[in-house]
C-alpha atoms as a PDB file:
ATOM      1  CA  MET A   1      -0.036  -0.045  -0.048  1.00  0.00           C
ATOM      2  CA  ARG A   2       1.397   3.363  -1.114  1.00  0.00           C
ATOM      3  CA  VAL A   3       2.616   5.581   1.850  1.00  0.00           C
ATOM      4  CA  ILE A   4       1.241   9.077   1.806  1.00  0.00           C
ATOM      5  CA  ASP A   5       0.773  11.919   4.270  1.00  0.00           C
ATOM      6  CA  GLN A   6      -2.775  12.989   4.622  1.00  0.00           C
ATOM      7  CA  SER A   7      -3.813  16.559   5.656  1.00  0.00           C
ATOM      8  CA  LEU A   8      -6.501  17.948   7.899  1.00  0.00           C
ATOM      9  CA  ASP A   9      -8.033  19.668   4.899  1.00  0.00           C
ATOM     10  CA  ASP A  10      -8.167  16.414   3.012  1.00  0.00           C
ATOM     11  CA  ILE A  11     -10.231  14.725   5.735  1.00  0.00           C
ATOM     12  CA  LEU A  12     -12.461  17.794   6.325  1.00  0.00           C
ATOM     13  CA  ALA A  13     -13.129  18.022   2.606  1.00  0.00           C
ATOM     14  CA  ASN A  14     -14.526  14.447   2.702  1.00  0.00           C
ATOM     15  CA  LEU A  15     -16.851  14.699   5.709  1.00  0.00           C
ATOM     16  CA  SER A  16     -19.489  13.593   5.192  1.00  0.00           C
ATOM     17  CA  PRO A  17     -26.888  12.511  34.478  1.00  0.00           C
ATOM     18  CA  LEU A  18     -26.620  15.189  36.634  1.00  0.00           C
ATOM     19  CA  ASP A  19     -29.839  16.567  38.056  1.00  0.00           C
ATOM     20  CA  VAL A  20     -29.602  20.303  37.591  1.00  0.00           C
ATOM     21  CA  GLU A  21     -32.073  23.108  36.873  1.00  0.00           C
ATOM     22  CA  TRP A  22     -32.551  23.174  33.094  1.00  0.00           C
ATOM     23  CA  MET A  23     -33.726  26.706  32.777  1.00  0.00           C
ATOM     24  CA  ASP A  24     -31.241  29.419  32.144  1.00  0.00           C
ATOM     25  CA  ASP A  25     -31.470  32.978  30.905  1.00  0.00           C
ATOM     26  CA  GLU A  26     -31.401  31.905  27.244  1.00  0.00           C
ATOM     27  CA  ALA A  27     -34.215  29.411  27.756  1.00  0.00           C
ATOM     28  CA  SER A  28     -36.204  31.980  29.528  1.00  0.00           C
ATOM     29  CA  ALA A  29     -35.668  34.497  26.684  1.00  0.00           C
ATOM     30  CA  ALA A  30     -36.720  31.821  24.093  1.00  0.00           C
ATOM     31  CA  ILE A  31     -39.915  31.092  26.128  1.00  0.00           C
ATOM     32  CA  ALA A  32     -40.839  34.708  26.253  1.00  0.00           C
ATOM     33  CA  LYS A  33     -40.116  35.106  22.540  1.00  0.00           C
ATOM     34  CA  LEU A  34     -42.396  32.217  21.647  1.00  0.00           C
ATOM     35  CA  ALA A  35     -45.162  33.552  23.914  1.00  0.00           C
ATOM     36  CA  ASP A  36     -45.051  36.863  22.119  1.00  0.00           C
ATOM     37  CA  LEU A  37     -45.438  35.320  18.622  1.00  0.00           C
ATOM     38  CA  PRO A  38     -48.837  36.124  17.046  1.00  0.00           C
ATOM     39  CA  HIS A  39     -51.063  33.161  16.585  1.00  0.00           C
ATOM     40  CA  LYS A  40     -51.692  32.579  12.901  1.00  0.00           C
ATOM     41  CA  VAL A  41     -53.400  29.760  10.898  1.00  0.00           C
ATOM     42  CA  ARG A  42     -50.495  29.806   8.480  1.00  0.00           C
ATOM     43  CA  TYR A  43     -46.923  31.258   8.707  1.00  0.00           C
ATOM     44  CA  ASP A  44     -44.827  32.255   5.722  1.00  0.00           C
ATOM     45  CA  ALA A  45     -41.322  33.479   4.973  1.00  0.00           C
ATOM     46  CA  ALA A  46     -42.146  36.969   6.266  1.00  0.00           C
ATOM     47  CA  ASP A  47     -42.707  35.535   9.703  1.00  0.00           C
ATOM     48  CA  ILE A  48     -39.092  34.362   9.903  1.00  0.00           C
ATOM     49  CA  ALA A  49     -38.061  38.002  10.084  1.00  0.00           C
ATOM     50  CA  LEU A  50     -40.488  38.539  12.893  1.00  0.00           C
ATOM     51  CA  LEU A  51     -38.976  35.632  14.724  1.00  0.00           C
ATOM     52  CA  PHE A  52     -35.430  37.137  14.316  1.00  0.00           C
ATOM     53  CA  ASP A  53     -36.563  40.570  15.487  1.00  0.00           C
ATOM     54  CA  GLY A  54     -34.419  40.596  18.605  1.00  0.00           C
ATOM     55  CA  PRO A  55     -31.300  38.860  19.893  1.00  0.00           C
ATOM     56  CA  PHE A  56     -29.852  36.414  17.395  1.00  0.00           C
ATOM     57  CA  ASN A  57     -29.190  33.651  19.911  1.00  0.00           C
ATOM     58  CA  THR A  58     -32.772  33.700  21.136  1.00  0.00           C
ATOM     59  CA  ALA A  59     -34.124  33.638  17.588  1.00  0.00           C
ATOM     60  CA  ILE A  60     -31.931  30.765  16.414  1.00  0.00           C
ATOM     61  CA  LEU A  61     -32.868  28.755  19.523  1.00  0.00           C
ATOM     62  CA  CYS A  62     -36.550  29.242  18.747  1.00  0.00           C
ATOM     63  CA  ALA A  63     -35.984  28.246  15.146  1.00  0.00           C
ATOM     64  CA  ARG A  64     -34.198  25.089  16.350  1.00  0.00           C
ATOM     65  CA  LEU A  65     -37.191  24.273  18.644  1.00  0.00           C
ATOM     66  CA  PHE A  66     -39.610  24.674  15.767  1.00  0.00           C
ATOM     67  CA  LEU A  67     -37.461  22.410  13.417  1.00  0.00           C
ATOM     68  CA  ALA A  68     -36.646  19.962  16.317  1.00  0.00           C
ATOM     69  CA  LYS A  69     -32.926  20.087  15.512  1.00  0.00           C
ATOM     70  CA  SER A  70     -29.988  19.923  17.880  1.00  0.00           C
ATOM     71  CA  LYS A  71     -27.455  22.714  17.913  1.00  0.00           C
ATOM     72  CA  ASP A  72     -24.923  20.646  15.854  1.00  0.00           C
ATOM     73  CA  LYS A  73     -27.600  19.546  13.365  1.00  0.00           C
ATOM     74  CA  MET A  74     -28.868  23.091  12.916  1.00  0.00           C
ATOM     75  CA  GLU A  75     -25.394  24.397  12.297  1.00  0.00           C
ATOM     76  CA  GLU A  76     -24.699  21.671   9.851  1.00  0.00           C
ATOM     77  CA  ASP A  77     -27.938  22.220   7.888  1.00  0.00           C
ATOM     78  CA  LEU A  78     -27.432  25.995   7.845  1.00  0.00           C
ATOM     79  CA  ARG A  79     -23.873  25.825   6.546  1.00  0.00           C
ATOM     80  CA  ARG A  80     -25.186  23.504   3.763  1.00  0.00           C
ATOM     81  CA  ALA A  81     -28.020  25.896   2.981  1.00  0.00           C
ATOM     82  CA  LEU A  82     -26.058  29.155   3.149  1.00  0.00           C
ATOM     83  CA  GLY A  83     -22.779  27.977   1.656  1.00  0.00           C
ATOM     84  CA  PRO A  84     -19.304  29.182   2.623  1.00  0.00           C
ATOM     85  CA  GLY A  85     -19.093  32.043   5.072  1.00  0.00           C
ATOM     86  CA  GLY A  86     -20.282  30.653   8.355  1.00  0.00           C
ATOM     87  CA  SER A  87     -23.741  30.336   9.940  1.00  0.00           C
ATOM     88  CA  GLY A  88     -23.609  32.305  13.054  1.00  0.00           C
ATOM     89  CA  ALA A  89     -24.537  35.845  14.254  1.00  0.00           C
ATOM     90  CA  ARG A  90     -21.953  37.578  11.990  1.00  0.00           C
ATOM     91  CA  ARG A  91     -23.306  35.796   8.888  1.00  0.00           C
ATOM     92  CA  TYR A  92     -26.879  36.818   9.833  1.00  0.00           C
ATOM     93  CA  ALA A  93     -25.836  40.425  10.444  1.00  0.00           C
ATOM     94  CA  ALA A  94     -24.056  40.559   7.099  1.00  0.00           C
ATOM     95  CA  ASP A  95     -26.929  39.092   5.045  1.00  0.00           C
ATOM     96  CA  PRO A  96     -30.189  38.572   6.964  1.00  0.00           C
ATOM     97  CA  ASP A  97     -32.136  37.968   3.691  1.00  0.00           C
ATOM     98  CA  ALA A  98     -29.941  35.016   2.752  1.00  0.00           C
ATOM     99  CA  TYR A  99     -30.551  33.632   6.207  1.00  0.00           C
ATOM    100  CA  TYR A 100     -34.347  33.956   5.884  1.00  0.00           C
ATOM    101  CA  ILE A 101     -34.186  32.268   2.540  1.00  0.00           C
ATOM    102  CA  ALA A 102     -32.165  29.372   3.955  1.00  0.00           C
ATOM    103  CA  LEU A 103     -34.551  28.903   6.906  1.00  0.00           C
ATOM    104  CA  ASP A 104     -37.505  29.059   4.518  1.00  0.00           C
ATOM    105  CA  ALA A 105     -35.928  26.336   2.429  1.00  0.00           C
ATOM    106  CA  MET A 106     -35.291  24.251   5.614  1.00  0.00           C
ATOM    107  CA  GLY A 107     -39.135  24.404   6.223  1.00  0.00           C
ATOM    108  CA  LEU A 108     -39.219  26.810   9.191  1.00  0.00           C
ATOM    109  CA  PRO A 109     -42.659  28.474   8.267  1.00  0.00           C
ATOM    110  CA  VAL A 110     -44.270  25.034   7.817  1.00  0.00           C
ATOM    111  CA  ALA A 111     -42.837  23.860  11.164  1.00  0.00           C
ATOM    112  CA  MET A 112     -44.048  27.033  12.958  1.00  0.00           C
ATOM    113  CA  THR A 113     -47.590  26.523  11.388  1.00  0.00           C
ATOM    114  CA  LYS A 114     -47.666  22.857  12.621  1.00  0.00           C
ATOM    115  CA  ALA A 115     -46.438  23.657  16.083  1.00  0.00           C
ATOM    116  CA  VAL A 116     -48.566  26.699  16.773  1.00  0.00           C
ATOM    117  CA  ASN A 117     -51.854  25.003  15.554  1.00  0.00           C
ATOM    118  CA  TYR A 118     -51.174  21.571  16.940  1.00  0.00           C
ATOM    119  CA  GLN A 119     -53.648  20.357  19.552  1.00  0.00           C
ATOM    120  CA  PRO A 120     -51.487  18.372  22.071  1.00  0.00           C
ATOM    121  CA  VAL A 121     -52.528  15.366  24.273  1.00  0.00           C
ATOM    122  CA  TRP A 122     -51.031  14.240  27.503  1.00  0.00           C
ATOM    123  CA  SER A 123     -48.983  11.479  25.871  1.00  0.00           C
ATOM    124  CA  ASP A 124     -47.063  14.092  23.815  1.00  0.00           C
ATOM    125  CA  ILE A 125     -45.109  15.021  26.933  1.00  0.00           C
ATOM    126  CA  LEU A 126     -43.926  11.473  27.439  1.00  0.00           C
ATOM    127  CA  VAL A 127     -43.093  11.079  23.758  1.00  0.00           C
ATOM    128  CA  GLU A 128     -40.965  14.261  23.844  1.00  0.00           C
ATOM    129  CA  ARG A 129     -39.139  12.943  26.884  1.00  0.00           C
ATOM    130  CA  LEU A 130     -38.550   9.761  25.072  1.00  0.00           C
ATOM    131  CA  ARG A 131     -37.306  11.492  21.940  1.00  0.00           C
ATOM    132  CA  SER A 132     -34.948  13.773  23.719  1.00  0.00           C
ATOM    133  CA  GLY A 133     -33.585  11.180  26.138  1.00  0.00           C
ATOM    134  CA  ARG A 134     -33.437   7.600  24.855  1.00  0.00           C
ATOM    135  CA  GLY A 135     -34.149   8.697  21.322  1.00  0.00           C
ATOM    136  CA  SER A 136     -30.988  10.837  21.282  1.00  0.00           C
ATOM    137  CA  ALA A 137     -28.920   7.858  22.512  1.00  0.00           C
ATOM    138  CA  ILE A 138     -30.481   5.587  19.876  1.00  0.00           C
ATOM    139  CA  GLN A 139     -29.652   7.971  17.109  1.00  0.00           C
ATOM    140  CA  GLY A 140     -25.980   8.037  18.155  1.00  0.00           C
ATOM    141  CA  GLN A 141     -25.902   4.211  18.303  1.00  0.00           C
ATOM    142  CA  LYS A 142     -27.545   3.882  14.862  1.00  0.00           C
ATOM    143  CA  ARG A 143     -25.164   6.439  13.374  1.00  0.00           C
ATOM    144  CA  GLY A 144     -22.071   4.577  14.643  1.00  0.00           C
ATOM    145  CA  ARG A 145     -23.439   1.188  13.713  1.00  0.00           C
ATOM    146  CA  GLY A 146     -24.360   2.407  10.249  1.00  0.00           C
ATOM    147  CA  LEU A 147     -20.776   3.455   9.525  1.00  0.00           C
ATOM    148  CA  GLU A 148     -19.565   0.105  10.952  1.00  0.00           C
ATOM    149  CA  ASP A 149     -21.904  -1.744   8.628  1.00  0.00           C
ATOM    150  CA  PHE A 150     -20.630   0.372   5.760  1.00  0.00           C
ATOM    151  CA  ALA A 151     -16.977  -0.560   6.439  1.00  0.00           C
ATOM    152  CA  GLU A 152     -17.773  -4.237   7.148  1.00  0.00           C
ATOM    153  CA  ALA A 153     -19.569  -4.595   3.809  1.00  0.00           C
ATOM    154  CA  LEU A 154     -16.437  -3.483   1.987  1.00  0.00           C
ATOM    155  CA  VAL A 155     -14.156  -5.715   4.069  1.00  0.00           C
ATOM    156  CA  LYS A 156     -16.423  -8.613   3.333  1.00  0.00           C
ATOM    157  CA  GLU A 157     -16.395  -7.745  -0.406  1.00  0.00           C
ATOM    158  CA  VAL A 158     -12.603  -8.009  -0.427  1.00  0.00           C
ATOM    159  CA  PHE A 159     -11.779 -10.646   2.211  1.00  0.00           C
ATOM    160  CA  GLY A 160     -14.978 -12.794   2.025  1.00  0.00           C
ATOM    161  CA  GLU A 161     -17.166 -14.214   4.737  1.00  0.00           C
ATOM    162  CA  GLY A 162     -14.939 -15.552   7.544  1.00  0.00           C
ATOM    163  CA  GLY A 163     -11.943 -13.560   6.420  1.00  0.00           C
ATOM    164  CA  TYR A 164     -12.155 -11.147   9.392  1.00  0.00           C
ATOM    165  CA  GLN A 165     -13.435 -10.729  12.922  1.00  0.00           C
ATOM    166  CA  THR A 166     -15.562  -7.834  14.245  1.00  0.00           C
ATOM    167  CA  ARG A 167     -15.771  -6.045  17.601  1.00  0.00           C
ATOM    168  CA  CYS A 168     -12.986  -8.094  19.249  1.00  0.00           C
ATOM    169  CA  THR A 169      -9.877  -7.848  21.372  1.00  0.00           C
ATOM    170  CA  PHE A 170      -6.813  -8.583  19.292  1.00  0.00           C
ATOM    171  CA  THR A 171      -3.465 -10.007  20.331  1.00  0.00           C
ATOM    172  CA  GLY A 172      -0.548  -7.779  19.401  1.00  0.00           C
ATOM    173  CA  ALA A 173       3.127  -7.461  20.158  1.00  0.00           C
ATOM    174  CA  ALA A 174       4.519  -9.299  23.176  1.00  0.00           C
ATOM    175  CA  GLY A 175       1.095 -10.533  24.163  1.00  0.00           C
ATOM    176  CA  GLU A 176      -0.277  -7.002  24.400  1.00  0.00           C
ATOM    177  CA  SER A 177      -3.963  -6.644  23.493  1.00  0.00           C
ATOM    178  CA  ALA A 178      -6.561  -3.930  22.734  1.00  0.00           C
ATOM    179  CA  LYS A 179     -10.065  -3.678  21.404  1.00  0.00           C
ATOM    180  CA  CYS A 180     -10.825  -2.998  17.755  1.00  0.00           C
ATOM    181  CA  ASP A 181     -13.793  -2.994  15.388  1.00  0.00           C
ATOM    182  CA  MET A 182     -12.274  -5.331  12.826  1.00  0.00           C
ATOM    183  CA  ALA A 183      -9.270  -7.636  12.767  1.00  0.00           C
ATOM    184  CA  ILE A 184      -8.089  -9.298   9.506  1.00  0.00           C
ATOM    185  CA  PRO A 185      -7.825 -12.174   9.114  1.00  0.00           C
ATOM    186  CA  ASP A 186      -8.525 -12.859  12.865  1.00  0.00           C
ATOM    187  CA  LYS A 187      -7.917 -11.421  16.307  1.00  0.00           C
ATOM    188  CA  LEU A 188      -5.014 -13.892  17.189  1.00  0.00           C
ATOM    189  CA  ARG A 189      -2.576 -12.629  14.616  1.00  0.00           C
ATOM    190  CA  PRO A 190      -4.111  -9.760  12.685  1.00  0.00           C
ATOM    191  CA  ARG A 191      -2.321  -8.239   9.715  1.00  0.00           C
ATOM    192  CA  ILE A 192      -4.882  -5.484   9.371  1.00  0.00           C
ATOM    193  CA  LEU A 193      -6.816  -3.644  12.056  1.00  0.00           C
ATOM    194  CA  ILE A 194      -9.745  -1.268  11.317  1.00  0.00           C
ATOM    195  CA  GLU A 195     -11.285   1.222  13.822  1.00  0.00           C
ATOM    196  CA  VAL A 196     -14.579   2.803  12.866  1.00  0.00           C
ATOM    197  CA  LYS A 197     -16.204   5.841  14.505  1.00  0.00           C
ATOM    198  CA  GLY A 198     -18.989   8.072  13.078  1.00  0.00           C
ATOM    199  CA  TYR A 199     -20.325  11.226  14.778  1.00  0.00           C
ATOM    200  CA  GLY A 200     -23.436  13.402  14.585  1.00  0.00           C
ATOM    201  CA  ALA A 201     -22.796  15.593  17.595  1.00  0.00           C
ATOM    202  CA  THR A 202     -19.741  17.114  19.100  1.00  0.00           C
ATOM    203  CA  GLY A 203     -18.580  15.982  22.518  1.00  0.00           C
ATOM    204  CA  SER A 204     -16.009  14.177  24.580  1.00  0.00           C
ATOM    205  CA  LYS A 205     -16.403  10.972  22.557  1.00  0.00           C
ATOM    206  CA  MET A 206     -14.594  12.756  19.719  1.00  0.00           C
ATOM    207  CA  THR A 207     -11.635  13.132  22.013  1.00  0.00           C
ATOM    208  CA  ASP A 208     -12.041   9.613  23.467  1.00  0.00           C
ATOM    209  CA  ILE A 209     -11.326   8.044  20.058  1.00  0.00           C
ATOM    210  CA  ILE A 210      -7.826   9.349  20.250  1.00  0.00           C
ATOM    211  CA  GLY A 211      -7.213   7.271  23.343  1.00  0.00           C
ATOM    212  CA  ASP A 212      -8.836   4.267  21.590  1.00  0.00           C
ATOM    213  CA  LEU A 213      -6.504   4.673  18.602  1.00  0.00           C
ATOM    214  CA  ASP A 214      -3.445   5.044  20.834  1.00  0.00           C
ATOM    215  CA  ALA A 215      -4.304   1.904  22.663  1.00  0.00           C
ATOM    216  CA  ILE A 216      -4.397  -0.021  19.367  1.00  0.00           C
ATOM    217  CA  ILE A 217      -1.116   1.629  18.213  1.00  0.00           C
ATOM    218  CA  ALA A 218       0.569   0.753  21.454  1.00  0.00           C
ATOM    219  CA  ALA A 219      -0.567  -2.909  21.404  1.00  0.00           C
ATOM    220  CA  LYS A 220      -0.266  -3.843  17.762  1.00  0.00           C
ATOM    221  CA  ARG A 221       2.727  -5.349  16.102  1.00  0.00           C
ATOM    222  CA  HIS A 222       4.745  -2.917  13.918  1.00  0.00           C
ATOM    223  CA  ASP A 223       3.943  -4.952  10.780  1.00  0.00           C
ATOM    224  CA  THR A 224       0.204  -4.708  11.435  1.00  0.00           C
ATOM    225  CA  THR A 225      -1.531  -2.112   9.364  1.00  0.00           C
ATOM    226  CA  LEU A 226      -4.012   0.165  11.182  1.00  0.00           C
ATOM    227  CA  LEU A 227      -6.777   1.885   9.125  1.00  0.00           C
ATOM    228  CA  PHE A 228      -9.361   4.380  10.541  1.00  0.00           C
ATOM    229  CA  VAL A 229     -12.808   4.942   9.074  1.00  0.00           C
ATOM    230  CA  THR A 230     -14.750   8.076  10.291  1.00  0.00           C
ATOM    231  CA  ASP A 231     -17.351  10.504   9.130  1.00  0.00           C
ATOM    232  CA  GLY A 232     -19.657  13.309  10.327  1.00  0.00           C
ATOM    233  CA  THR A 233     -19.411  17.027   9.551  1.00  0.00           C
ATOM    234  CA  THR A 234     -19.211  17.692  13.302  1.00  0.00           C
ATOM    235  CA  TRP A 235     -15.514  17.079  12.913  1.00  0.00           C
ATOM    236  CA  GLU A 236     -15.465  20.592  11.562  1.00  0.00           C
ATOM    237  CA  GLN A 237     -16.231  21.768  15.030  1.00  0.00           C
ATOM    238  CA  ARG A 238     -13.504  19.582  16.643  1.00  0.00           C
ATOM    239  CA  THR A 239     -10.634  20.193  14.195  1.00  0.00           C
ATOM    240  CA  SER A 240      -8.074  20.158  17.065  1.00  0.00           C
ATOM    241  CA  ASP A 241      -8.925  16.514  17.774  1.00  0.00           C
ATOM    242  CA  LEU A 242      -9.027  15.543  14.059  1.00  0.00           C
ATOM    243  CA  ARG A 243      -5.709  17.304  13.609  1.00  0.00           C
ATOM    244  CA  LYS A 244      -4.158  14.950  16.239  1.00  0.00           C
ATOM    245  CA  ILE A 245      -5.481  11.944  14.332  1.00  0.00           C
ATOM    246  CA  VAL A 246      -4.091  13.214  11.069  1.00  0.00           C
ATOM    247  CA  SER A 247      -0.816  13.788  12.760  1.00  0.00           C
ATOM    248  CA  ARG A 248      -0.714  10.151  13.755  1.00  0.00           C
ATOM    249  CA  GLN A 249      -1.425   9.164  10.193  1.00  0.00           C
ATOM    250  CA  ASN A 250       1.499  11.478   9.033  1.00  0.00           C
ATOM    251  CA  GLU A 251       3.828   9.763  11.620  1.00  0.00           C
ATOM    252  CA  GLY A 252       2.897   6.295  10.159  1.00  0.00           C
ATOM    253  CA  LYS A 253       0.984   5.149  13.253  1.00  0.00           C
ATOM    254  CA  ILE A 254      -2.244   5.096  11.267  1.00  0.00           C
ATOM    255  CA  ALA A 255      -1.796   3.940   7.623  1.00  0.00           C
ATOM    256  CA  ARG A 256      -4.754   5.756   6.227  1.00  0.00           C
ATOM    257  CA  ILE A 257      -7.993   7.657   7.308  1.00  0.00           C
ATOM    258  CA  TYR A 258     -11.219   7.255   5.261  1.00  0.00           C
ATOM    259  CA  THR A 259     -14.698   8.623   5.106  1.00  0.00           C
ATOM    260  CA  THR A 260     -17.702   7.298   3.252  1.00  0.00           C
ATOM    261  CA  LYS A 261     -16.846   9.607   0.346  1.00  0.00           C
ATOM    262  CA  MET A 262     -13.532   7.773   0.071  1.00  0.00           C
ATOM    263  CA  ARG A 263     -15.137   4.365  -0.454  1.00  0.00           C
ATOM    264  CA  ASP A 264     -13.239   3.499  -3.669  1.00  0.00           C
ATOM    265  CA  ALA A 265      -9.885   4.395  -2.153  1.00  0.00           C
ATOM    266  CA  PHE A 266     -10.748   2.205   0.901  1.00  0.00           C
ATOM    267  CA  VAL A 267     -11.590  -0.754  -1.310  1.00  0.00           C
ATOM    268  CA  ASP A 268      -8.470  -0.314  -3.481  1.00  0.00           C
ATOM    269  CA  ASP A 269      -6.232  -0.168  -0.446  1.00  0.00           C
ATOM    270  CA  LEU A 270      -7.898  -3.228   1.079  1.00  0.00           C
ATOM    271  CA  ARG A 271      -7.174  -5.176  -2.091  1.00  0.00           C
ATOM    272  CA  THR A 272      -3.536  -3.926  -2.140  1.00  0.00           C
ATOM    273  CA  LEU A 273      -3.117  -5.063   1.503  1.00  0.00           C
ATOM    274  CA  LYS A 274      -4.698  -8.376   0.772  1.00  0.00           C
ATOM    275  CA  ALA A 275      -2.258  -8.985  -1.955  1.00  0.00           C
ATOM    276  CA  GLU A 276       0.784  -7.777   0.084  1.00  0.00           C
ATOM    277  CA  ALA A 277      -0.086  -9.902   3.099  1.00  0.00           C
ATOM    278  CA  ASP A 278      -1.015 -12.917   0.873  1.00  0.00           C
ATOM    279  CA  LEU A 279      -4.389 -13.252   2.636  1.00  0.00           C
END
C-alpha cells in the first residue's frame, strides 16, 4: 500500500446524568419570545423576520425548537443551505435575507404552522421525553453502527465471509491486546486492524477516540496495518482532535484515514493490502 501523508483539509473536505435546573437565561428568553409570537393559521417566509426581530441567539434557539434540531444539526444544515461564510450571528448580520431564504428552504414556516396550531394530548409530553432522552442515544448508536456496517460490507467484499473478525480484542506485540472494530484475518494474529467511528454531535467521545486509537497503536505489532474509518461534519467543530489523528497518520502510526466519500480508495487499499499480506 502506497505511503502518503494526509492533511487535515483532506479529511475535512470528505466529511461527510446530573440533576440540575434546566432553565437558564437563554431558555427564559426563548420562552418569552415564543409567547409573544402572534397566533396565525399559516406562517410564511415573512414571519421568519419577525422571529428574528431581537437577539440572534434567542431567535436561532426558537428556530431550532420549531425544526426539532440539535445545535450541531442546525449548524450543519445552515452551513449547507447558506454555503461558505459561516452560519452564526456575524453571517446573519451581514446578510439577513440570505438567512431567511435558507430557513424558509429548511421548512421553518411550515414547522411554525404545525407547532402553533397543533392540539396536544397528554402522551405528547412523554413522547418528547422519550425522543430527547433515549431517542438521542439511539440516534447515536444507529449512526455509529451504520458506519460500521458500511466498512464491514467493503471488508467482506474484499476478504470474504470468515476472512475477518468484528468487535473483538486482538493479540498484538509481546502478548499486548486492545479492542478494535475489525481484525483481519483474525484477532489472534491480525495483519490489518480497522477502527470505525461516526459522529453526529460534538462531545467528549470525539476526544475519546484518540485514546482508543493510541491503545491500538501501542498494542499492535509494527507490521500490522491500522486503518481508521470516520465521518460526520461535526468534525469541523473539533478540528483540534481531528488534527491529532491526522498527525498520527503522518507519523505512520495510522496507515490511512477514510470517510464514506472515500469508499473507492478504501476498497483499493484493502485489495492492495490483501495481496501484500497474501491473505
